[in-house]
């Protein structure tokens, strides 16, 4: 009788412990839920910062121009977006440019971006649109424009980053004081651009 009672008690111990063991396996460890969550994803990003552009479409120009560049990105997934870029350059780095030239442009295009390592990311894009050159005697002073570019980014937080980038933008302008009888003789020029500023995502 004692032997049977002892065996019954020994059999009840693992039976009582099995639900506890099963519960410990199913319940997530404290903090594991947040670790399983992916990084936040934002549909929009806005950049604003200092910009620089050369001035190769203006004859006898000796200095590039400083100004500002802003653009907005609409993201479609983790790696792809569409960019709307606007820029304005007016202030010459050095003297020597004819007249008082300035450049403003509006460009659009696709962008591919990705996290490279840790807080560092990168992007490349293609842009197409129009460019306007003012403050001198080019006629016409508006041209179709487009090019490619890219850059690097460092995340300060999930929403804020600092970004440095560059582009190579081509356009076709006529030479200054060109004769209308010659059809203004447009010629293609390429301007390297650079920018540095901040990105906000939402």
N, C-alpha and C. Protein backbone atom coordinates (compact mmCIF):
# COMPACT_ATOMS: atom_id res chain seq x y z
N UNK A 1 0.82 -1.20 0.00
CA UNK A 1 0.00 0.00 0.00
C UNK A 1 0.86 1.26 0.00
N UNK A 2 1.88 1.28 0.84
CA UNK A 2 2.79 2.43 0.89
C UNK A 2 3.51 2.60 -0.43
N UNK A 3 3.87 1.44 -1.03
CA UNK A 3 4.61 1.50 -2.30
C UNK A 3 3.73 2.11 -3.39
N UNK A 4 2.43 1.71 -3.42
CA UNK A 4 1.51 2.24 -4.42
C UNK A 4 1.28 3.74 -4.20
N UNK A 5 1.15 4.14 -2.95
CA UNK A 5 0.96 5.55 -2.63
C UNK A 5 2.17 6.38 -3.04
N UNK A 6 3.36 5.89 -2.84
CA UNK A 6 4.59 6.58 -3.20
C UNK A 6 4.67 6.76 -4.71
N UNK A 7 4.34 5.69 -5.45
CA UNK A 7 4.37 5.78 -6.91
C UNK A 7 3.34 6.79 -7.43
N UNK A 8 2.19 6.86 -6.78
CA UNK A 8 1.16 7.81 -7.19
C UNK A 8 1.61 9.24 -6.98
N UNK A 9 2.28 9.48 -5.85
CA UNK A 9 2.79 10.83 -5.55
C UNK A 9 3.86 11.23 -6.55
N UNK A 10 4.75 10.28 -6.86
CA UNK A 10 5.83 10.57 -7.82
C UNK A 10 5.26 10.85 -9.21
N UNK A 11 4.17 10.20 -9.57
CA UNK A 11 3.54 10.42 -10.88
C UNK A 11 2.84 11.78 -10.93
N UNK A 12 2.34 12.27 -9.79
CA UNK A 12 1.63 13.55 -9.77
C UNK A 12 2.58 14.73 -9.89
N UNK A 13 3.82 14.57 -9.44
CA UNK A 13 4.78 15.69 -9.47
C UNK A 13 5.06 16.15 -10.91
N UNK A 14 5.49 15.24 -11.84
CA UNK A 14 5.71 15.71 -13.21
C UNK A 14 4.44 16.18 -13.90
N UNK A 15 3.28 15.57 -13.54
CA UNK A 15 2.03 16.01 -14.15
C UNK A 15 1.70 17.44 -13.75
N UNK A 16 2.03 17.81 -12.51
CA UNK A 16 1.77 19.17 -12.04
C UNK A 16 2.75 20.16 -12.65
N UNK A 17 3.97 19.72 -12.93
CA UNK A 17 5.00 20.62 -13.45
C UNK A 17 4.90 20.83 -14.95
N UNK A 18 4.25 19.92 -15.70
CA UNK A 18 4.18 20.03 -17.15
C UNK A 18 3.47 21.31 -17.63
N UNK A 19 2.30 21.70 -17.07
CA UNK A 19 1.69 22.96 -17.52
C UNK A 19 2.58 24.17 -17.26
N UNK A 20 3.32 24.17 -16.15
CA UNK A 20 4.22 25.27 -15.84
C UNK A 20 5.33 25.36 -16.87
N UNK A 21 5.87 24.21 -17.27
CA UNK A 21 6.93 24.19 -18.27
C UNK A 21 6.41 24.65 -19.62
N UNK A 22 5.20 24.22 -19.97
CA UNK A 22 4.62 24.63 -21.24
C UNK A 22 4.36 26.14 -21.27
N UNK A 23 3.90 26.67 -20.14
CA UNK A 23 3.65 28.11 -20.07
C UNK A 23 4.93 28.90 -20.22
N UNK A 24 6.01 28.43 -19.62
CA UNK A 24 7.28 29.14 -19.72
C UNK A 24 7.83 29.11 -21.12
N UNK A 25 7.50 28.11 -21.91
CA UNK A 25 7.98 28.04 -23.29
C UNK A 25 7.18 28.96 -24.20
N UNK A 26 5.87 29.08 -23.95
CA UNK A 26 5.02 29.89 -24.83
C UNK A 26 5.15 31.37 -24.53
N UNK A 27 5.23 31.74 -23.25
CA UNK A 27 5.28 33.16 -22.87
C UNK A 27 6.60 33.76 -23.32
N UNK A 28 6.57 34.91 -24.01
CA UNK A 28 7.82 35.54 -24.45
C UNK A 28 8.58 36.12 -23.27
N UNK A 29 9.87 36.10 -23.38
CA UNK A 29 10.71 36.70 -22.35
C UNK A 29 10.53 38.20 -22.37
N UNK A 30 10.71 38.81 -21.20
CA UNK A 30 10.52 40.24 -21.07
C UNK A 30 11.50 40.97 -21.99
N UNK A 31 10.97 41.87 -22.80
CA UNK A 31 11.81 42.64 -23.71
C UNK A 31 11.96 42.01 -25.08
N UNK A 32 11.56 40.73 -25.26
CA UNK A 32 11.75 40.08 -26.55
C UNK A 32 10.77 40.61 -27.57
N UNK A 33 9.58 41.11 -27.14
CA UNK A 33 8.59 41.62 -28.07
C UNK A 33 9.12 42.84 -28.82
N UNK A 34 9.76 43.75 -28.10
CA UNK A 34 10.30 44.93 -28.74
C UNK A 34 11.47 44.58 -29.64
N UNK A 35 12.22 43.52 -29.27
CA UNK A 35 13.36 43.15 -30.09
C UNK A 35 12.92 42.57 -31.42
N UNK A 36 11.71 41.93 -31.45
CA UNK A 36 11.24 41.34 -32.69
C UNK A 36 10.65 42.36 -33.64
N UNK A 37 10.31 43.54 -33.13
CA UNK A 37 9.71 44.54 -33.99
C UNK A 37 10.73 45.07 -34.98
N UNK A 38 10.31 45.29 -36.22
CA UNK A 38 11.20 45.82 -37.24
C UNK A 38 11.36 47.33 -37.05
N UNK A 39 12.32 47.91 -37.78
CA UNK A 39 12.55 49.33 -37.71
C UNK A 39 11.33 50.09 -38.24
N UNK A 40 11.06 51.30 -37.71
CA UNK A 40 9.89 52.05 -38.19
C UNK A 40 10.04 52.41 -39.66
N UNK A 41 8.93 52.42 -40.37
CA UNK A 41 8.92 52.74 -41.79
C UNK A 41 8.10 54.01 -42.00
N UNK A 42 8.67 54.98 -42.74
CA UNK A 42 8.01 56.25 -42.99
C UNK A 42 7.78 56.43 -44.48
N UNK A 43 6.64 57.00 -44.83
CA UNK A 43 6.28 57.15 -46.24
C UNK A 43 6.94 58.36 -46.89
N UNK A 44 7.26 59.39 -46.07
CA UNK A 44 7.77 60.63 -46.63
C UNK A 44 9.09 61.03 -45.96
N UNK A 45 9.93 61.70 -46.74
CA UNK A 45 11.17 62.28 -46.22
C UNK A 45 11.36 63.64 -46.88
N UNK A 46 11.78 64.63 -46.08
CA UNK A 46 12.01 65.98 -46.59
C UNK A 46 13.44 66.38 -46.25
N UNK A 47 14.15 66.89 -47.26
CA UNK A 47 15.54 67.34 -47.09
C UNK A 47 15.62 68.84 -47.33
N UNK A 48 16.44 69.54 -46.56
CA UNK A 48 16.73 70.95 -46.78
C UNK A 48 18.17 71.21 -46.37
N UNK A 49 18.89 71.98 -47.21
CA UNK A 49 20.27 72.24 -46.84
C UNK A 49 20.99 73.19 -47.78
N UNK A 50 22.24 73.39 -47.49
CA UNK A 50 23.13 74.23 -48.29
C UNK A 50 23.43 73.55 -49.62
N UNK A 51 23.51 74.34 -50.70
CA UNK A 51 23.79 73.77 -52.00
C UNK A 51 24.86 74.56 -52.76
N UNK A 52 25.53 73.87 -53.68
CA UNK A 52 26.53 74.48 -54.56
C UNK A 52 26.33 73.96 -55.97
N UNK A 53 26.54 74.83 -56.97
CA UNK A 53 26.49 74.41 -58.36
C UNK A 53 27.54 75.17 -59.15
N UNK A 54 28.17 74.49 -60.11
CA UNK A 54 29.02 75.20 -61.05
C UNK A 54 28.15 75.97 -62.03
N UNK A 55 28.75 76.76 -62.90
CA UNK A 55 28.00 77.68 -63.76
C UNK A 55 28.50 77.57 -65.20
N UNK A 56 28.60 76.37 -65.70
CA UNK A 56 29.23 76.15 -67.00
C UNK A 56 28.39 76.63 -68.18
N UNK A 57 27.08 76.87 -68.00
CA UNK A 57 26.27 77.33 -69.12
C UNK A 57 26.43 78.82 -69.40
N UNK A 58 27.09 79.55 -68.51
CA UNK A 58 27.33 80.97 -68.72
C UNK A 58 28.76 81.16 -69.21
N UNK A 59 28.90 81.76 -70.40
CA UNK A 59 30.22 81.97 -70.96
C UNK A 59 31.07 82.86 -70.05
N UNK A 60 32.35 82.52 -69.96
CA UNK A 60 33.32 83.30 -69.19
C UNK A 60 33.03 83.33 -67.70
N UNK A 61 32.22 82.40 -67.20
CA UNK A 61 31.99 82.34 -65.75
C UNK A 61 33.24 81.83 -65.06
N UNK A 62 33.55 82.40 -63.92
CA UNK A 62 34.77 82.04 -63.20
C UNK A 62 34.50 81.51 -61.79
N UNK A 63 33.25 81.48 -61.41
CA UNK A 63 32.94 81.06 -60.04
C UNK A 63 31.63 80.29 -60.01
N UNK A 64 31.59 79.27 -59.18
CA UNK A 64 30.34 78.57 -58.93
C UNK A 64 29.44 79.36 -58.00
N UNK A 65 28.22 78.88 -57.84
CA UNK A 65 27.22 79.60 -57.05
C UNK A 65 26.80 78.79 -55.84
N UNK A 66 26.55 79.49 -54.74
CA UNK A 66 26.02 78.88 -53.52
C UNK A 66 24.53 79.20 -53.41
N UNK A 67 23.82 78.33 -52.71
CA UNK A 67 22.40 78.55 -52.53
C UNK A 67 21.79 77.49 -51.64
N UNK A 68 20.59 77.06 -51.99
CA UNK A 68 19.87 76.09 -51.18
C UNK A 68 19.26 75.01 -52.07
N UNK A 69 19.09 73.84 -51.49
CA UNK A 69 18.43 72.74 -52.17
C UNK A 69 17.44 72.11 -51.21
N UNK A 70 16.25 71.84 -51.70
CA UNK A 70 15.22 71.14 -50.92
C UNK A 70 14.61 70.06 -51.80
N UNK A 71 14.23 68.96 -51.18
CA UNK A 71 13.48 67.97 -51.93
C UNK A 71 12.67 67.09 -51.00
N UNK A 72 11.64 66.51 -51.58
CA UNK A 72 10.75 65.63 -50.85
C UNK A 72 10.74 64.27 -51.54
N UNK A 73 10.71 63.22 -50.73
CA UNK A 73 10.70 61.85 -51.24
C UNK A 73 9.45 61.14 -50.76
N UNK A 74 8.74 60.51 -51.68
CA UNK A 74 7.62 59.63 -51.33
C UNK A 74 8.12 58.20 -51.47
N UNK A 75 8.19 57.49 -50.34
CA UNK A 75 8.72 56.13 -50.33
C UNK A 75 7.64 55.10 -50.66
N UNK A 76 8.03 54.11 -51.45
CA UNK A 76 7.17 52.98 -51.77
C UNK A 76 7.94 51.71 -51.38
N UNK A 77 7.80 51.30 -50.13
CA UNK A 77 8.58 50.18 -49.63
C UNK A 77 9.87 50.65 -48.99
N UNK A 78 10.73 49.71 -48.69
CA UNK A 78 11.95 49.97 -47.92
C UNK A 78 13.06 50.59 -48.76
N UNK A 79 13.10 50.31 -50.07
CA UNK A 79 14.26 50.71 -50.86
C UNK A 79 13.97 51.69 -51.99
N UNK A 80 12.71 51.93 -52.33
CA UNK A 80 12.39 52.72 -53.52
C UNK A 80 11.55 53.93 -53.16
N UNK A 81 11.79 55.06 -53.83
CA UNK A 81 11.01 56.25 -53.64
C UNK A 81 11.01 57.11 -54.89
N UNK A 82 10.17 58.14 -54.90
CA UNK A 82 10.11 59.12 -55.98
C UNK A 82 10.43 60.49 -55.39
N UNK A 83 11.35 61.22 -56.04
CA UNK A 83 11.89 62.47 -55.52
C UNK A 83 11.38 63.67 -56.32
N UNK A 84 11.04 64.76 -55.64
CA UNK A 84 10.79 66.06 -56.24
C UNK A 84 11.85 67.02 -55.67
N UNK A 85 12.71 67.54 -56.54
CA UNK A 85 13.88 68.32 -56.12
C UNK A 85 13.77 69.75 -56.62
N UNK A 86 14.00 70.70 -55.73
CA UNK A 86 14.05 72.11 -56.11
C UNK A 86 15.31 72.75 -55.57
N UNK A 87 15.93 73.62 -56.37
CA UNK A 87 17.18 74.25 -55.94
C UNK A 87 17.25 75.68 -56.45
N UNK A 88 18.03 76.50 -55.75
CA UNK A 88 18.23 77.90 -56.13
C UNK A 88 19.64 78.30 -55.72
N UNK A 89 20.43 78.74 -56.71
CA UNK A 89 21.81 79.14 -56.47
C UNK A 89 21.99 80.57 -56.98
N UNK A 90 22.51 81.45 -56.12
CA UNK A 90 22.61 82.87 -56.48
C UNK A 90 23.93 83.51 -56.09
N UNK A 91 24.55 83.06 -55.02
CA UNK A 91 25.68 83.78 -54.45
C UNK A 91 27.00 83.19 -54.93
N UNK A 92 27.77 84.00 -55.65
CA UNK A 92 29.03 83.53 -56.21
C UNK A 92 30.08 83.35 -55.12
N UNK A 93 30.85 82.28 -55.26
CA UNK A 93 31.93 82.03 -54.30
C UNK A 93 33.05 83.05 -54.47
N UNK A 94 33.31 83.46 -55.71
CA UNK A 94 34.35 84.46 -56.00
C UNK A 94 33.82 85.40 -57.07
N UNK A 95 34.49 86.53 -57.29
CA UNK A 95 34.07 87.49 -58.31
C UNK A 95 34.55 87.03 -59.68
N UNK A 96 33.98 87.64 -60.71
CA UNK A 96 34.44 87.35 -62.07
C UNK A 96 33.37 86.84 -63.01
N UNK A 97 32.18 86.51 -62.50
CA UNK A 97 31.11 86.06 -63.39
C UNK A 97 30.51 87.25 -64.13
N UNK A 98 30.17 87.08 -65.43
CA UNK A 98 29.49 88.16 -66.15
C UNK A 98 28.07 88.35 -65.63
N UNK A 99 27.64 89.60 -65.49
CA UNK A 99 26.31 89.87 -64.98
C UNK A 99 26.15 89.45 -63.54
N UNK A 100 24.93 89.07 -63.18
CA UNK A 100 24.62 88.58 -61.83
C UNK A 100 23.82 87.28 -61.97
N UNK A 101 24.45 86.21 -62.44
CA UNK A 101 23.70 84.99 -62.78
C UNK A 101 23.19 84.24 -61.55
N UNK A 102 22.09 83.56 -61.78
CA UNK A 102 21.55 82.65 -60.78
C UNK A 102 20.96 81.45 -61.51
N UNK A 103 20.81 80.34 -60.80
CA UNK A 103 20.25 79.12 -61.37
C UNK A 103 19.14 78.63 -60.44
N UNK A 104 18.01 78.31 -61.02
CA UNK A 104 16.98 77.60 -60.26
C UNK A 104 16.46 76.45 -61.11
N UNK A 105 16.08 75.37 -60.46
CA UNK A 105 15.67 74.16 -61.19
C UNK A 105 14.61 73.41 -60.40
N UNK A 106 13.80 72.65 -61.14
CA UNK A 106 12.83 71.73 -60.57
C UNK A 106 13.01 70.41 -61.30
N UNK A 107 13.29 69.34 -60.54
CA UNK A 107 13.61 68.04 -61.12
C UNK A 107 12.84 66.95 -60.38
N UNK A 108 12.57 65.87 -61.10
CA UNK A 108 11.84 64.73 -60.53
C UNK A 108 12.53 63.43 -60.95
N UNK A 109 12.34 62.38 -60.16
CA UNK A 109 12.88 61.10 -60.58
C UNK A 109 12.83 60.04 -59.51
N UNK A 110 13.23 58.81 -59.87
CA UNK A 110 13.24 57.70 -58.92
C UNK A 110 14.48 57.72 -58.04
N UNK A 111 14.34 57.16 -56.84
CA UNK A 111 15.46 57.06 -55.90
C UNK A 111 15.51 55.66 -55.29
N UNK A 112 16.70 55.14 -55.17
CA UNK A 112 16.93 53.88 -54.47
C UNK A 112 17.81 54.17 -53.26
N UNK A 113 17.36 53.72 -52.08
CA UNK A 113 18.09 53.99 -50.86
C UNK A 113 18.11 52.74 -49.98
N UNK A 114 19.11 52.66 -49.13
CA UNK A 114 19.23 51.49 -48.26
C UNK A 114 20.15 51.80 -47.10
N UNK A 115 19.94 51.10 -46.00
CA UNK A 115 20.87 51.16 -44.87
C UNK A 115 22.10 50.34 -45.23
N UNK A 116 23.28 50.91 -45.04
CA UNK A 116 24.52 50.23 -45.39
C UNK A 116 25.11 49.50 -44.21
N UNK A 117 25.23 50.22 -43.09
CA UNK A 117 25.80 49.60 -41.89
C UNK A 117 25.48 50.47 -40.69
N UNK A 118 24.86 49.89 -39.67
CA UNK A 118 24.55 50.65 -38.46
C UNK A 118 23.67 51.85 -38.78
N UNK A 119 24.16 53.04 -38.45
CA UNK A 119 23.41 54.26 -38.68
C UNK A 119 23.71 54.90 -40.03
N UNK A 120 24.53 54.24 -40.85
CA UNK A 120 24.92 54.80 -42.13
C UNK A 120 24.07 54.23 -43.26
N UNK A 121 23.64 55.10 -44.17
CA UNK A 121 22.85 54.70 -45.32
C UNK A 121 23.35 55.40 -46.57
N UNK A 122 22.81 55.00 -47.71
CA UNK A 122 23.20 55.61 -48.97
C UNK A 122 22.02 55.67 -49.92
N UNK A 123 22.15 56.46 -50.98
CA UNK A 123 21.08 56.59 -51.95
C UNK A 123 21.65 56.95 -53.32
N UNK A 124 20.94 56.60 -54.37
CA UNK A 124 21.22 57.02 -55.74
C UNK A 124 19.89 57.42 -56.38
N UNK A 125 19.94 58.39 -57.28
CA UNK A 125 18.71 58.78 -57.96
C UNK A 125 19.01 59.30 -59.35
N UNK A 126 17.98 59.28 -60.19
CA UNK A 126 18.02 59.89 -61.51
C UNK A 126 16.99 61.01 -61.54
N UNK A 127 17.37 62.16 -62.11
CA UNK A 127 16.50 63.34 -62.08
C UNK A 127 16.28 63.89 -63.49
N UNK A 128 15.08 64.42 -63.72
CA UNK A 128 14.76 65.01 -65.01
C UNK A 128 13.75 66.13 -64.78
N UNK A 129 13.89 67.23 -65.54
CA UNK A 129 12.98 68.36 -65.36
C UNK A 129 13.44 69.56 -66.14
N UNK A 130 13.47 70.74 -65.49
CA UNK A 130 13.85 71.97 -66.16
C UNK A 130 14.77 72.83 -65.31
N UNK A 131 15.54 73.68 -66.00
CA UNK A 131 16.48 74.57 -65.32
C UNK A 131 16.37 75.96 -65.93
N UNK A 132 16.50 76.98 -65.08
CA UNK A 132 16.39 78.37 -65.50
C UNK A 132 17.64 79.12 -65.08
N UNK A 133 18.22 79.87 -66.01
CA UNK A 133 19.39 80.69 -65.71
C UNK A 133 19.01 82.16 -65.88
N UNK A 134 19.21 82.96 -64.84
CA UNK A 134 18.80 84.37 -64.85
C UNK A 134 19.99 85.26 -64.53
N UNK A 135 19.79 86.58 -64.70
CA UNK A 135 20.79 87.55 -64.32
C UNK A 135 21.85 87.81 -65.36
N UNK A 136 21.67 87.31 -66.58
CA UNK A 136 22.58 87.58 -67.69
C UNK A 136 21.75 87.58 -68.98
N UNK A 137 22.37 87.58 -70.13
CA UNK A 137 21.62 87.81 -71.37
C UNK A 137 21.46 86.57 -72.23
N UNK A 138 21.31 85.40 -71.63
CA UNK A 138 21.05 84.21 -72.41
C UNK A 138 19.61 84.20 -72.92
N UNK A 139 19.44 83.81 -74.19
CA UNK A 139 18.12 83.67 -74.78
C UNK A 139 18.09 82.42 -75.65
N UNK A 140 17.22 81.44 -75.36
CA UNK A 140 16.32 81.37 -74.19
C UNK A 140 17.09 81.03 -72.93
N UNK A 141 16.47 81.31 -71.80
CA UNK A 141 17.14 81.08 -70.52
C UNK A 141 16.54 79.93 -69.72
N UNK A 142 15.67 79.14 -70.36
CA UNK A 142 15.10 77.95 -69.75
C UNK A 142 15.44 76.74 -70.59
N UNK A 143 15.82 75.65 -69.94
CA UNK A 143 16.24 74.46 -70.68
C UNK A 143 15.74 73.20 -69.99
N UNK A 144 15.47 72.20 -70.82
CA UNK A 144 15.29 70.85 -70.30
C UNK A 144 16.58 70.44 -69.58
N UNK A 145 16.47 69.72 -68.47
CA UNK A 145 17.66 69.34 -67.70
C UNK A 145 17.46 67.97 -67.08
N UNK A 146 18.56 67.33 -66.76
CA UNK A 146 18.49 66.02 -66.11
C UNK A 146 19.87 65.49 -65.81
N UNK A 147 19.92 64.49 -64.95
CA UNK A 147 21.20 63.89 -64.58
C UNK A 147 21.04 62.82 -63.52
N UNK A 148 22.15 62.47 -62.92
CA UNK A 148 22.18 61.42 -61.90
C UNK A 148 22.93 61.93 -60.68
N UNK A 149 22.70 61.26 -59.54
CA UNK A 149 23.39 61.66 -58.32
C UNK A 149 23.23 60.63 -57.23
N UNK A 150 23.79 60.95 -56.09
CA UNK A 150 23.72 60.04 -54.95
C UNK A 150 24.39 60.66 -53.75
N UNK A 151 24.47 59.89 -52.68
CA UNK A 151 25.10 60.42 -51.48
C UNK A 151 25.03 59.47 -50.31
N UNK A 152 25.37 59.99 -49.14
CA UNK A 152 25.42 59.20 -47.91
C UNK A 152 24.63 59.91 -46.82
N UNK A 153 24.23 59.13 -45.82
CA UNK A 153 23.37 59.64 -44.77
C UNK A 153 23.76 59.02 -43.43
N UNK A 154 23.63 59.81 -42.36
CA UNK A 154 23.90 59.31 -41.01
C UNK A 154 22.68 59.61 -40.14
N UNK A 155 22.10 58.57 -39.53
CA UNK A 155 20.88 58.71 -38.75
C UNK A 155 21.18 59.21 -37.34
N UNK A 156 20.57 60.32 -36.97
CA UNK A 156 20.65 60.82 -35.60
C UNK A 156 19.56 60.22 -34.73
N UNK A 157 18.44 59.86 -35.36
CA UNK A 157 17.31 59.20 -34.71
C UNK A 157 16.50 58.54 -35.82
N UNK A 158 15.45 57.78 -35.50
CA UNK A 158 14.65 57.18 -36.58
C UNK A 158 14.07 58.21 -37.54
N UNK A 159 13.80 59.42 -37.07
CA UNK A 159 13.20 60.44 -37.95
C UNK A 159 14.20 61.43 -38.54
N UNK A 160 15.27 61.74 -37.82
CA UNK A 160 16.21 62.77 -38.25
C UNK A 160 17.54 62.17 -38.71
N UNK A 161 18.06 62.72 -39.82
CA UNK A 161 19.36 62.31 -40.35
C UNK A 161 20.07 63.54 -40.91
N UNK A 162 21.39 63.43 -41.06
CA UNK A 162 22.15 64.40 -41.83
C UNK A 162 22.59 63.73 -43.12
N UNK A 163 22.60 64.49 -44.20
CA UNK A 163 22.85 63.88 -45.51
C UNK A 163 23.79 64.77 -46.33
N UNK A 164 24.71 64.15 -47.05
CA UNK A 164 25.58 64.83 -48.00
C UNK A 164 25.42 64.14 -49.35
N UNK A 165 25.26 64.93 -50.40
CA UNK A 165 25.03 64.33 -51.71
C UNK A 165 25.60 65.17 -52.82
N UNK A 166 25.57 64.62 -54.02
CA UNK A 166 26.05 65.32 -55.20
C UNK A 166 25.33 64.85 -56.44
N UNK A 167 25.25 65.71 -57.45
CA UNK A 167 24.60 65.40 -58.71
C UNK A 167 25.45 65.90 -59.87
N UNK A 168 25.15 65.39 -61.05
CA UNK A 168 25.78 65.84 -62.29
C UNK A 168 24.63 66.14 -63.24
N UNK A 169 24.31 67.44 -63.41
CA UNK A 169 23.11 67.86 -64.12
C UNK A 169 23.48 68.50 -65.46
N UNK A 170 22.88 67.98 -66.52
CA UNK A 170 23.11 68.51 -67.86
C UNK A 170 21.93 69.34 -68.34
N UNK A 171 22.22 70.35 -69.17
CA UNK A 171 21.19 71.20 -69.76
C UNK A 171 21.73 71.76 -71.07
N UNK A 172 20.86 72.35 -71.89
CA UNK A 172 21.25 72.93 -73.18
C UNK A 172 20.81 74.38 -73.25
N UNK A 173 21.77 75.29 -73.10
CA UNK A 173 21.51 76.72 -73.19
C UNK A 173 22.26 77.31 -74.38
N UNK A 174 21.76 78.44 -74.87
CA UNK A 174 22.48 79.14 -75.93
C UNK A 174 23.59 79.99 -75.30
N UNK A 175 24.56 80.37 -76.13
CA UNK A 175 25.62 81.23 -75.63
C UNK A 175 25.07 82.65 -75.46
N UNK A 176 25.72 83.44 -74.63
CA UNK A 176 25.28 84.82 -74.39
C UNK A 176 25.41 85.64 -75.66
N UNK A 177 24.40 86.50 -75.92
CA UNK A 177 24.37 87.39 -77.09
C UNK A 177 24.39 86.61 -78.40
N UNK A 178 23.85 85.42 -78.39
CA UNK A 178 23.80 84.63 -79.61
C UNK A 178 22.75 85.21 -80.56
N UNK A 179 22.99 85.09 -81.87
CA UNK A 179 22.09 85.67 -82.86
C UNK A 179 20.85 84.80 -83.05
N UNK A 180 19.66 85.39 -83.06
CA UNK A 180 18.45 84.61 -83.34
C UNK A 180 18.48 83.97 -84.73
N UNK A 181 19.22 84.59 -85.66
CA UNK A 181 19.31 84.06 -87.02
C UNK A 181 19.98 82.69 -87.03
N UNK A 182 20.77 82.40 -86.04
CA UNK A 182 21.45 81.11 -85.95
C UNK A 182 20.67 80.10 -85.11
N UNK A 183 19.44 80.48 -84.77
CA UNK A 183 18.63 79.56 -83.96
C UNK A 183 19.10 79.45 -82.53
N UNK A 184 19.82 80.44 -82.06
CA UNK A 184 20.33 80.51 -80.69
C UNK A 184 21.40 79.47 -80.38
N UNK A 185 21.65 78.55 -81.28
CA UNK A 185 22.75 77.57 -81.15
C UNK A 185 22.88 77.02 -79.73
N UNK A 186 21.90 76.30 -79.24
CA UNK A 186 22.03 75.74 -77.89
C UNK A 186 23.16 74.73 -77.82
N UNK A 187 23.86 74.72 -76.73
CA UNK A 187 24.93 73.75 -76.53
C UNK A 187 24.80 73.14 -75.14
N UNK A 188 25.11 71.87 -75.05
CA UNK A 188 24.93 71.14 -73.79
C UNK A 188 26.07 71.43 -72.84
N UNK A 189 25.71 71.65 -71.60
CA UNK A 189 26.70 71.83 -70.54
C UNK A 189 26.32 70.95 -69.36
N UNK A 190 27.30 70.63 -68.53
CA UNK A 190 27.07 69.80 -67.34
C UNK A 190 27.58 70.54 -66.11
N UNK A 191 26.75 70.58 -65.10
CA UNK A 191 27.10 71.23 -63.85
C UNK A 191 27.14 70.23 -62.70
N UNK A 192 28.29 70.04 -62.08
CA UNK A 192 28.30 69.27 -60.83
C UNK A 192 27.67 70.08 -59.71
N UNK A 193 26.87 69.41 -58.87
CA UNK A 193 26.24 70.06 -57.73
C UNK A 193 26.59 69.30 -56.46
N UNK A 194 26.52 69.99 -55.34
CA UNK A 194 26.75 69.36 -54.05
C UNK A 194 25.79 69.95 -53.03
N UNK A 195 25.43 69.16 -52.02
CA UNK A 195 24.52 69.65 -50.99
C UNK A 195 24.83 68.97 -49.67
N UNK A 196 24.49 69.65 -48.59
CA UNK A 196 24.64 69.12 -47.25
C UNK A 196 23.53 69.69 -46.39
N UNK A 197 22.81 68.80 -45.67
CA UNK A 197 21.73 69.29 -44.85
C UNK A 197 21.08 68.20 -44.02
N UNK A 198 19.84 68.43 -43.63
CA UNK A 198 19.13 67.54 -42.71
C UNK A 198 17.92 66.92 -43.39
N UNK A 199 17.58 65.71 -42.95
CA UNK A 199 16.43 64.96 -43.45
C UNK A 199 15.47 64.72 -42.29
N UNK A 200 14.17 64.91 -42.55
CA UNK A 200 13.13 64.59 -41.57
C UNK A 200 12.15 63.63 -42.22
N UNK A 201 11.83 62.53 -41.52
CA UNK A 201 10.90 61.51 -42.03
C UNK A 201 9.59 61.52 -41.24
N UNK A 202 8.52 61.27 -41.94
CA UNK A 202 7.21 61.22 -41.28
C UNK A 202 6.26 60.34 -42.07
